[in-house]
Amino acid sequence: MSGTPTGGIKIVLHPVSDLAAAKAVYTALLGAEPSADSEYYVGYDAGGQHIGLVPGGDASAPVAYWAVDDIKAKFAEVTAAGATVTQEPQNVGGSRVVATFADPDGNVLGLVQD
């Protein structure tokens, strides 16, 4: 299989309705200040994973991102297997590329390549 996951789940993004309130709870939970803190994103690095808070999203479920070596190949593989595209691979800064897709039940999953 191409683009085999290299590091398991690397990033989990939590959609939140109130970024300041969520930031207080996650800071207390993780026992650390955020590594990224702005009005559009708050992120924490904890236990080898990145936990992100994204305002204005659908707060029904977090999105887990699997680390892969070749995001385009893995994205093509999962969509050929029946996944529905929710976000094509796109650069989100530096060398990081992310993409999301939905499984047959509508669960949104993500891929990340650094």
Protein backbone atom coordinates (compact mmCIF):
# COMPACT_ATOMS: atom_id res chain seq x y z
CA MET A 1 0.00 0.00 0.00
CA SER A 2 1.28 3.44 -0.85
CA GLY A 3 1.50 6.30 1.62
CA THR A 4 1.44 3.91 4.58
CA PRO A 5 0.79 5.68 7.89
CA THR A 6 4.13 6.42 9.52
CA GLY A 7 3.21 7.65 12.94
CA GLY A 8 -0.37 6.67 13.66
CA ILE A 9 -2.70 9.43 14.73
CA LYS A 10 -0.59 12.57 14.94
CA ILE A 11 -3.14 15.39 15.19
CA VAL A 12 -6.63 15.62 16.66
CA LEU A 13 -8.65 18.76 15.91
CA HIS A 14 -11.59 19.64 18.12
CA PRO A 15 -14.19 22.04 16.69
CA VAL A 16 -15.32 24.47 19.40
CA SER A 17 -18.04 27.11 19.68
CA ASP A 18 -16.19 29.26 22.25
CA LEU A 19 -12.42 29.27 21.71
CA ALA A 20 -11.58 31.11 24.97
CA ALA A 21 -13.69 28.77 27.10
CA ALA A 22 -12.29 25.68 25.38
CA LYS A 23 -8.73 27.01 25.75
CA ALA A 24 -9.18 27.29 29.53
CA VAL A 25 -10.44 23.70 29.79
CA TYR A 26 -7.74 22.19 27.54
CA THR A 27 -4.97 24.18 29.27
CA ALA A 28 -6.15 22.77 32.61
CA LEU A 29 -6.53 19.25 31.20
CA LEU A 30 -3.10 19.15 29.54
CA GLY A 31 -1.28 21.13 32.24
CA ALA A 32 0.48 23.31 29.67
CA GLU A 33 0.05 26.55 27.78
CA PRO A 34 -0.73 26.30 24.06
CA SER A 35 2.12 26.05 21.56
CA ALA A 36 -0.01 27.99 19.03
CA ASP A 37 -2.47 30.65 20.17
CA SER A 38 -4.47 32.94 17.89
CA GLU A 39 -8.09 33.98 17.38
CA TYR A 40 -8.51 31.31 14.67
CA TYR A 41 -6.60 28.37 16.21
CA VAL A 42 -5.21 27.16 19.54
CA GLY A 43 -2.88 24.16 19.54
CA TYR A 44 -1.13 22.05 22.17
CA ASP A 45 1.73 19.57 21.89
CA ALA A 46 1.21 16.80 24.42
CA GLY A 47 2.48 13.24 24.59
CA GLY A 48 3.78 13.23 21.01
CA GLN A 49 0.46 14.41 19.60
CA HIS A 50 -0.90 17.78 18.58
CA ILE A 51 -4.30 18.73 19.97
CA GLY A 52 -5.95 21.64 18.15
CA LEU A 53 -8.99 23.78 18.87
CA VAL A 54 -10.75 25.17 15.80
CA PRO A 55 -13.53 27.74 16.30
CA GLY A 56 -16.74 27.72 14.33
CA GLY A 57 -16.64 24.08 13.28
CA ASP A 58 -19.17 21.29 13.66
CA ALA A 59 -18.70 20.37 17.31
CA SER A 60 -20.22 16.91 16.85
CA ALA A 61 -16.87 15.09 16.69
CA PRO A 62 -13.12 15.72 16.63
CA VAL A 63 -11.13 14.86 13.50
CA ALA A 64 -8.12 12.55 13.86
CA TYR A 65 -5.28 12.96 11.32
CA TRP A 66 -3.07 9.98 10.42
CA ALA A 67 0.54 10.74 9.53
CA VAL A 68 1.51 9.44 6.08
CA ASP A 69 4.61 9.61 3.87
CA ASP A 70 2.73 10.26 0.60
CA ILE A 71 -0.57 12.05 1.14
CA LYS A 72 -1.57 12.14 -2.53
CA ALA A 73 -1.14 8.37 -2.91
CA LYS A 74 -2.95 7.52 0.33
CA PHE A 75 -5.77 9.99 -0.47
CA ALA A 76 -6.21 8.37 -3.89
CA GLU A 77 -6.21 4.94 -2.26
CA VAL A 78 -8.91 5.73 0.31
CA THR A 79 -11.14 7.54 -2.19
CA ALA A 80 -10.80 4.63 -4.65
CA ALA A 81 -11.91 2.37 -1.79
CA GLY A 82 -15.11 4.40 -1.38
CA ALA A 83 -14.27 7.35 0.87
CA THR A 84 -15.94 10.68 0.06
CA VAL A 85 -13.69 13.71 -0.40
CA THR A 86 -14.32 16.47 2.15
CA GLN A 87 -11.08 18.42 1.59
CA GLU A 88 -8.51 17.79 -1.14
CA PRO A 89 -4.85 17.78 -0.02
CA GLN A 90 -3.71 21.33 0.65
CA ASN A 91 -0.68 23.02 2.15
CA VAL A 92 -1.50 24.63 5.48
CA GLY A 93 1.91 26.15 6.17
CA GLY A 94 5.53 25.18 5.83
CA SER A 95 5.78 21.64 4.54
CA ARG A 96 2.54 20.43 6.18
CA VAL A 97 -0.16 19.13 3.82
CA VAL A 98 -3.55 17.95 5.10
CA ALA A 99 -6.64 16.35 3.58
CA THR A 100 -9.92 14.99 4.91
CA PHE A 101 -12.42 12.41 3.74
CA ALA A 102 -15.54 10.71 5.07
CA ASP A 103 -15.97 6.99 5.52
CA PRO A 104 -19.20 5.30 4.31
CA ASP A 105 -20.97 6.29 7.56
CA GLY A 106 -19.99 9.96 7.28
CA ASN A 107 -17.21 9.94 9.88
CA VAL A 108 -14.60 12.51 8.88
CA LEU A 109 -10.98 11.31 8.96
CA GLY A 110 -7.79 13.16 8.09
CA LEU A 111 -4.35 12.63 6.63
CA VAL A 112 -1.27 14.75 7.34
CA GLN A 113 2.12 14.79 5.63
CA ASP A 114 5.06 16.79 6.96
